[in-house]
N, C-alpha and C. Protein backbone atom coordinates (compact mmCIF):
# COMPACT_ATOMS: atom_id res chain seq x y z
N UNK A 1 -23.50 50.21 -19.38
CA UNK A 1 -23.17 49.43 -20.52
C UNK A 1 -23.40 47.94 -20.26
N UNK A 2 -22.76 47.43 -19.20
CA UNK A 2 -22.95 46.03 -18.84
C UNK A 2 -23.72 45.95 -17.54
N UNK A 3 -24.52 44.93 -17.42
CA UNK A 3 -25.25 44.73 -16.19
C UNK A 3 -24.31 44.06 -15.17
N UNK A 4 -24.28 44.53 -13.94
CA UNK A 4 -23.38 43.93 -12.95
C UNK A 4 -23.81 42.50 -12.60
N UNK A 5 -22.84 41.70 -12.22
CA UNK A 5 -23.11 40.32 -11.84
C UNK A 5 -23.76 40.34 -10.46
N UNK A 6 -24.90 39.69 -10.34
CA UNK A 6 -25.63 39.72 -9.08
C UNK A 6 -25.50 38.44 -8.28
N UNK A 7 -25.06 37.38 -8.92
CA UNK A 7 -24.92 36.10 -8.21
C UNK A 7 -23.45 35.70 -8.21
N UNK A 8 -23.04 34.93 -7.23
CA UNK A 8 -21.65 34.50 -7.22
C UNK A 8 -21.37 33.55 -8.38
N UNK A 9 -20.20 33.61 -8.85
CA UNK A 9 -19.78 32.76 -9.96
C UNK A 9 -19.70 31.30 -9.53
N UNK A 10 -20.00 30.42 -10.45
CA UNK A 10 -19.84 29.00 -10.16
C UNK A 10 -18.37 28.63 -10.05
N UNK A 11 -17.52 29.51 -10.50
CA UNK A 11 -16.08 29.26 -10.45
C UNK A 11 -15.41 29.80 -9.20
N UNK A 12 -16.18 30.44 -8.34
CA UNK A 12 -15.59 30.96 -7.11
C UNK A 12 -15.37 29.81 -6.14
N UNK A 13 -14.34 29.90 -5.31
CA UNK A 13 -14.06 28.81 -4.37
C UNK A 13 -15.20 28.59 -3.39
N UNK A 14 -15.40 27.35 -3.06
CA UNK A 14 -16.45 27.00 -2.11
C UNK A 14 -16.03 27.38 -0.70
N UNK A 15 -17.01 27.50 0.15
CA UNK A 15 -16.74 27.78 1.55
C UNK A 15 -15.96 26.62 2.15
N UNK A 16 -14.94 26.88 2.91
CA UNK A 16 -14.07 25.85 3.48
C UNK A 16 -14.82 24.89 4.41
N UNK A 17 -15.93 25.32 4.97
CA UNK A 17 -16.65 24.49 5.94
C UNK A 17 -17.65 23.54 5.26
N UNK A 18 -17.78 23.60 3.95
CA UNK A 18 -18.77 22.78 3.26
C UNK A 18 -18.45 21.29 3.25
N UNK A 19 -17.20 20.92 3.29
CA UNK A 19 -16.85 19.50 3.25
C UNK A 19 -15.59 19.27 4.08
N UNK A 20 -15.45 18.07 4.59
CA UNK A 20 -14.29 17.79 5.45
C UNK A 20 -13.01 17.70 4.62
N UNK A 21 -11.95 18.13 5.21
CA UNK A 21 -10.64 18.07 4.56
C UNK A 21 -9.76 17.11 5.32
N UNK A 22 -8.86 16.45 4.60
CA UNK A 22 -7.87 15.60 5.24
C UNK A 22 -6.53 16.29 5.17
N UNK A 23 -5.74 16.06 6.19
CA UNK A 23 -4.39 16.61 6.18
C UNK A 23 -3.51 15.76 5.26
N UNK A 24 -2.36 16.26 4.93
CA UNK A 24 -1.42 15.53 4.10
C UNK A 24 -1.04 14.21 4.77
N UNK A 25 -0.86 14.23 6.08
CA UNK A 25 -0.50 13.03 6.82
C UNK A 25 -1.61 11.97 6.74
N UNK A 26 -2.86 12.42 6.84
CA UNK A 26 -3.98 11.49 6.73
C UNK A 26 -4.05 10.87 5.34
N UNK A 27 -3.82 11.67 4.32
CA UNK A 27 -3.81 11.16 2.95
C UNK A 27 -2.69 10.14 2.75
N UNK A 28 -1.52 10.43 3.30
CA UNK A 28 -0.39 9.50 3.18
C UNK A 28 -0.66 8.22 3.96
N UNK A 29 -1.30 8.33 5.12
CA UNK A 29 -1.68 7.13 5.88
C UNK A 29 -2.59 6.24 5.06
N UNK A 30 -3.59 6.83 4.41
CA UNK A 30 -4.53 6.08 3.59
C UNK A 30 -3.80 5.41 2.43
N UNK A 31 -2.93 6.16 1.79
CA UNK A 31 -2.18 5.62 0.66
C UNK A 31 -1.25 4.49 1.09
N UNK A 32 -0.55 4.68 2.19
CA UNK A 32 0.36 3.66 2.70
C UNK A 32 -0.41 2.39 3.10
N UNK A 33 -1.52 2.57 3.77
CA UNK A 33 -2.33 1.41 4.16
C UNK A 33 -2.82 0.66 2.93
N UNK A 34 -3.15 1.36 1.88
CA UNK A 34 -3.59 0.72 0.64
C UNK A 34 -2.49 -0.11 -0.01
N UNK A 35 -1.29 0.46 -0.08
CA UNK A 35 -0.15 -0.27 -0.66
C UNK A 35 0.19 -1.50 0.18
N UNK A 36 0.18 -1.33 1.50
CA UNK A 36 0.48 -2.46 2.37
C UNK A 36 -0.60 -3.53 2.31
N UNK A 37 -1.86 -3.14 2.18
CA UNK A 37 -2.94 -4.12 2.06
C UNK A 37 -2.81 -4.92 0.77
N UNK A 38 -2.42 -4.25 -0.32
CA UNK A 38 -2.20 -4.97 -1.58
C UNK A 38 -1.02 -5.92 -1.45
N UNK A 39 0.04 -5.46 -0.78
CA UNK A 39 1.20 -6.32 -0.53
C UNK A 39 0.80 -7.51 0.34
N UNK A 40 -0.07 -7.29 1.30
CA UNK A 40 -0.55 -8.37 2.17
C UNK A 40 -1.29 -9.43 1.36
N UNK A 41 -2.11 -9.01 0.42
CA UNK A 41 -2.86 -9.97 -0.40
C UNK A 41 -1.91 -10.86 -1.19
N UNK A 42 -0.87 -10.27 -1.79
CA UNK A 42 0.09 -11.06 -2.57
C UNK A 42 0.91 -11.94 -1.63
N UNK A 43 1.29 -11.41 -0.48
CA UNK A 43 2.06 -12.17 0.49
C UNK A 43 1.28 -13.38 0.98
N UNK A 44 0.00 -13.19 1.25
CA UNK A 44 -0.84 -14.31 1.66
C UNK A 44 -0.98 -15.34 0.54
N UNK A 45 -1.08 -14.87 -0.69
CA UNK A 45 -1.18 -15.81 -1.80
C UNK A 45 0.09 -16.63 -1.95
N UNK A 46 1.23 -16.03 -1.64
CA UNK A 46 2.49 -16.75 -1.69
C UNK A 46 2.65 -17.71 -0.50
N UNK A 47 1.79 -17.59 0.49
CA UNK A 47 1.85 -18.47 1.65
C UNK A 47 2.93 -18.07 2.64
N UNK A 48 3.24 -16.79 2.70
CA UNK A 48 4.28 -16.29 3.61
C UNK A 48 3.63 -15.77 4.89
N UNK A 49 3.23 -16.70 5.76
CA UNK A 49 2.48 -16.38 6.97
C UNK A 49 3.10 -15.35 7.89
N UNK A 50 4.34 -15.57 8.38
CA UNK A 50 4.93 -14.60 9.31
C UNK A 50 5.10 -13.21 8.70
N UNK A 51 5.50 -13.16 7.44
CA UNK A 51 5.64 -11.85 6.77
C UNK A 51 4.27 -11.19 6.64
N UNK A 52 3.26 -11.98 6.31
CA UNK A 52 1.90 -11.44 6.21
C UNK A 52 1.40 -10.90 7.53
N UNK A 53 1.74 -11.59 8.62
CA UNK A 53 1.33 -11.12 9.94
C UNK A 53 1.94 -9.76 10.27
N UNK A 54 3.21 -9.58 9.91
CA UNK A 54 3.88 -8.29 10.17
C UNK A 54 3.27 -7.17 9.34
N UNK A 55 2.94 -7.49 8.09
CA UNK A 55 2.31 -6.48 7.23
C UNK A 55 0.92 -6.15 7.77
N UNK A 56 0.16 -7.17 8.18
CA UNK A 56 -1.19 -6.95 8.71
C UNK A 56 -1.16 -6.06 9.95
N UNK A 57 -0.13 -6.20 10.79
CA UNK A 57 0.00 -5.34 11.97
C UNK A 57 0.11 -3.87 11.56
N UNK A 58 0.88 -3.60 10.51
CA UNK A 58 1.06 -2.22 10.07
C UNK A 58 -0.22 -1.67 9.44
N UNK A 59 -0.91 -2.50 8.68
CA UNK A 59 -2.19 -2.06 8.09
C UNK A 59 -3.18 -1.74 9.21
N UNK A 60 -3.23 -2.59 10.22
CA UNK A 60 -4.14 -2.36 11.36
C UNK A 60 -3.77 -1.07 12.08
N UNK A 61 -2.49 -0.82 12.25
CA UNK A 61 -2.04 0.41 12.92
C UNK A 61 -2.48 1.64 12.13
N UNK A 62 -2.36 1.59 10.82
CA UNK A 62 -2.69 2.75 10.00
C UNK A 62 -4.20 2.95 9.85
N UNK A 63 -4.93 1.86 9.75
CA UNK A 63 -6.39 1.96 9.53
C UNK A 63 -7.18 1.97 10.83
N UNK A 64 -6.57 1.51 11.91
CA UNK A 64 -7.28 1.44 13.17
C UNK A 64 -8.13 0.19 13.30
N UNK A 65 -8.02 -0.73 12.37
CA UNK A 65 -8.76 -1.99 12.39
C UNK A 65 -7.96 -3.04 11.62
N UNK A 66 -8.06 -4.28 12.04
CA UNK A 66 -7.30 -5.32 11.32
C UNK A 66 -7.83 -5.50 9.90
N UNK A 67 -6.94 -5.80 8.96
CA UNK A 67 -7.37 -5.99 7.58
C UNK A 67 -8.05 -7.34 7.38
N UNK A 68 -8.91 -7.40 6.41
CA UNK A 68 -9.51 -8.68 6.02
C UNK A 68 -8.43 -9.47 5.30
N UNK A 69 -8.29 -10.74 5.69
CA UNK A 69 -7.25 -11.57 5.09
C UNK A 69 -7.87 -12.79 4.47
N UNK A 70 -7.49 -13.04 3.25
CA UNK A 70 -7.86 -14.26 2.57
C UNK A 70 -6.89 -14.46 1.41
N UNK A 71 -6.62 -15.69 1.12
CA UNK A 71 -5.72 -15.99 0.01
C UNK A 71 -6.56 -16.31 -1.22
N UNK A 72 -6.83 -15.28 -1.99
CA UNK A 72 -7.56 -15.47 -3.24
C UNK A 72 -6.55 -15.90 -4.28
N UNK A 73 -6.50 -17.19 -4.54
CA UNK A 73 -5.50 -17.72 -5.45
C UNK A 73 -5.80 -17.32 -6.89
N UNK A 74 -4.78 -16.81 -7.56
CA UNK A 74 -4.93 -16.36 -8.94
C UNK A 74 -4.29 -17.31 -9.93
N UNK A 75 -3.68 -18.37 -9.44
CA UNK A 75 -2.95 -19.30 -10.30
C UNK A 75 -1.80 -18.63 -11.04
N UNK A 76 -1.32 -17.51 -10.53
CA UNK A 76 -0.17 -16.84 -11.13
C UNK A 76 1.10 -17.58 -10.74
N UNK A 77 2.09 -17.49 -11.59
CA UNK A 77 3.38 -18.12 -11.31
C UNK A 77 4.01 -17.45 -10.09
N UNK A 78 4.67 -18.23 -9.24
CA UNK A 78 5.30 -17.63 -8.06
C UNK A 78 6.26 -16.49 -8.40
N UNK A 79 7.01 -16.63 -9.48
CA UNK A 79 7.94 -15.55 -9.85
C UNK A 79 7.17 -14.27 -10.16
N UNK A 80 6.03 -14.40 -10.81
CA UNK A 80 5.21 -13.24 -11.12
C UNK A 80 4.68 -12.60 -9.84
N UNK A 81 4.28 -13.42 -8.89
CA UNK A 81 3.80 -12.90 -7.61
C UNK A 81 4.92 -12.19 -6.85
N UNK A 82 6.12 -12.75 -6.90
CA UNK A 82 7.26 -12.09 -6.23
C UNK A 82 7.57 -10.75 -6.88
N UNK A 83 7.47 -10.67 -8.21
CA UNK A 83 7.71 -9.38 -8.88
C UNK A 83 6.64 -8.37 -8.48
N UNK A 84 5.39 -8.82 -8.42
CA UNK A 84 4.30 -7.93 -8.02
C UNK A 84 4.50 -7.46 -6.58
N UNK A 85 4.86 -8.38 -5.70
CA UNK A 85 5.08 -8.03 -4.29
C UNK A 85 6.25 -7.06 -4.15
N UNK A 86 7.29 -7.27 -4.95
CA UNK A 86 8.45 -6.37 -4.91
C UNK A 86 8.03 -4.95 -5.30
N UNK A 87 7.24 -4.84 -6.36
CA UNK A 87 6.78 -3.52 -6.81
C UNK A 87 5.88 -2.86 -5.75
N UNK A 88 4.99 -3.63 -5.15
CA UNK A 88 4.11 -3.07 -4.12
C UNK A 88 4.90 -2.63 -2.89
N UNK A 89 5.89 -3.42 -2.51
CA UNK A 89 6.73 -3.05 -1.36
C UNK A 89 7.51 -1.77 -1.68
N UNK A 90 7.92 -1.62 -2.93
CA UNK A 90 8.62 -0.39 -3.33
C UNK A 90 7.73 0.83 -3.22
N UNK A 91 6.48 0.69 -3.66
CA UNK A 91 5.54 1.81 -3.54
C UNK A 91 5.29 2.15 -2.07
N UNK A 92 5.13 1.12 -1.26
CA UNK A 92 4.92 1.35 0.18
C UNK A 92 6.13 2.04 0.79
N UNK A 93 7.33 1.65 0.36
CA UNK A 93 8.55 2.27 0.89
C UNK A 93 8.60 3.75 0.56
N UNK A 94 8.23 4.11 -0.66
CA UNK A 94 8.25 5.52 -1.06
C UNK A 94 7.30 6.34 -0.19
N UNK A 95 6.09 5.84 0.02
CA UNK A 95 5.11 6.57 0.82
C UNK A 95 5.53 6.60 2.29
N UNK A 96 6.05 5.48 2.79
CA UNK A 96 6.49 5.44 4.20
C UNK A 96 7.63 6.43 4.43
N UNK A 97 8.54 6.52 3.48
CA UNK A 97 9.64 7.47 3.62
C UNK A 97 9.12 8.90 3.57
N UNK A 98 8.14 9.14 2.72
CA UNK A 98 7.60 10.49 2.59
C UNK A 98 6.86 10.93 3.84
N UNK A 99 6.26 10.00 4.57
CA UNK A 99 5.57 10.37 5.81
C UNK A 99 6.42 10.11 7.04
N UNK A 100 7.69 9.72 6.82
CA UNK A 100 8.66 9.49 7.90
C UNK A 100 8.18 8.40 8.86
N UNK A 101 7.62 7.34 8.31
CA UNK A 101 7.16 6.19 9.09
C UNK A 101 8.27 5.13 9.03
N UNK A 102 9.16 5.17 10.00
CA UNK A 102 10.33 4.30 10.01
C UNK A 102 9.95 2.83 10.04
N UNK A 103 8.99 2.47 10.84
CA UNK A 103 8.59 1.07 10.98
C UNK A 103 8.11 0.50 9.65
N UNK A 104 7.22 1.22 8.98
CA UNK A 104 6.69 0.76 7.70
C UNK A 104 7.77 0.77 6.62
N UNK A 105 8.67 1.75 6.68
CA UNK A 105 9.75 1.82 5.70
C UNK A 105 10.70 0.63 5.84
N UNK A 106 11.05 0.29 7.07
CA UNK A 106 11.94 -0.85 7.30
C UNK A 106 11.27 -2.14 6.84
N UNK A 107 10.01 -2.32 7.19
CA UNK A 107 9.28 -3.51 6.78
C UNK A 107 9.22 -3.60 5.26
N UNK A 108 8.92 -2.50 4.59
CA UNK A 108 8.83 -2.50 3.13
C UNK A 108 10.18 -2.84 2.50
N UNK A 109 11.25 -2.27 3.03
CA UNK A 109 12.58 -2.56 2.50
C UNK A 109 12.94 -4.03 2.71
N UNK A 110 12.59 -4.58 3.86
CA UNK A 110 12.85 -6.00 4.12
C UNK A 110 12.08 -6.89 3.15
N UNK A 111 10.83 -6.52 2.86
CA UNK A 111 10.04 -7.31 1.93
C UNK A 111 10.60 -7.21 0.51
N UNK A 112 11.08 -6.02 0.14
CA UNK A 112 11.71 -5.88 -1.18
C UNK A 112 12.93 -6.80 -1.28
N UNK A 113 13.75 -6.80 -0.22
CA UNK A 113 14.94 -7.66 -0.21
C UNK A 113 14.55 -9.13 -0.31
N UNK A 114 13.54 -9.54 0.44
CA UNK A 114 13.11 -10.94 0.44
C UNK A 114 12.62 -11.36 -0.95
N UNK A 115 11.86 -10.49 -1.61
CA UNK A 115 11.34 -10.85 -2.93
C UNK A 115 12.44 -10.80 -3.99
N UNK A 116 13.40 -9.90 -3.83
CA UNK A 116 14.55 -9.87 -4.74
C UNK A 116 15.34 -11.16 -4.61
N UNK A 117 15.56 -11.58 -3.37
CA UNK A 117 16.29 -12.82 -3.11
C UNK A 117 15.54 -14.02 -3.68
N UNK A 118 14.22 -14.04 -3.52
CA UNK A 118 13.43 -15.15 -4.04
C UNK A 118 13.50 -15.21 -5.56
N UNK A 119 13.51 -14.05 -6.20
CA UNK A 119 13.59 -14.02 -7.66
C UNK A 119 14.98 -14.39 -8.17
N UNK A 120 16.00 -14.14 -7.37
CA UNK A 120 17.37 -14.43 -7.77
C UNK A 120 17.73 -15.90 -7.61
N UNK A 121 16.95 -16.64 -6.83
CA UNK A 121 17.26 -18.05 -6.60
C UNK A 121 17.06 -18.83 -7.90
N UNK A 122 17.83 -19.89 -8.10
CA UNK A 122 17.72 -20.67 -9.34
C UNK A 122 16.36 -21.34 -9.50
N UNK A 123 15.66 -21.59 -8.42
CA UNK A 123 14.37 -22.26 -8.48
C UNK A 123 13.23 -21.26 -8.38
N UNK A 124 13.41 -20.05 -8.89
CA UNK A 124 12.40 -18.99 -8.75
C UNK A 124 11.06 -19.39 -9.35
N UNK A 125 11.07 -20.16 -10.41
CA UNK A 125 9.80 -20.56 -11.02
C UNK A 125 9.08 -21.62 -10.20
N UNK A 126 9.81 -22.36 -9.34
CA UNK A 126 9.18 -23.41 -8.55
C UNK A 126 8.84 -22.95 -7.14
N UNK A 127 9.04 -21.68 -6.85
CA UNK A 127 8.79 -21.18 -5.50
C UNK A 127 7.33 -21.31 -5.14
N UNK A 128 7.10 -21.75 -3.92
CA UNK A 128 5.74 -21.81 -3.42
C UNK A 128 5.57 -20.84 -2.28
N UNK A 129 6.52 -20.78 -1.37
CA UNK A 129 6.38 -19.87 -0.22
C UNK A 129 7.68 -19.68 0.51
N UNK A 130 8.66 -19.14 -0.15
CA UNK A 130 9.95 -18.89 0.49
C UNK A 130 9.84 -17.68 1.41
N UNK A 131 10.64 -17.66 2.44
CA UNK A 131 10.77 -16.55 3.40
C UNK A 131 9.60 -16.57 4.32
């Protein structure tokens, strides 16, 4: 009645050896390094040198190479930059906790606290590089 299928379906799973796979830990490392690199860019723009150096160390540890650093000024208000940095540190904290990276989690939590404190100060709009 029906002719049998002679070729494999395009919907059948591919052979596992056809492409490289990353482990969950490797994927989380990549994600964490990305969040920390974005936090580093905002931190550098705020002029927070020592904090940027600590973040750069963690990015280098995760990527195996030091990150490119430059302060690409966006002319954004300091309060806006602190809010952005707080959000990025929060994302990094979530990923660090999920991969059980205590060092990165502590650093992320400290950066969240620092940016919260900077935003709570009465001169938050005039901030140039607190902490």
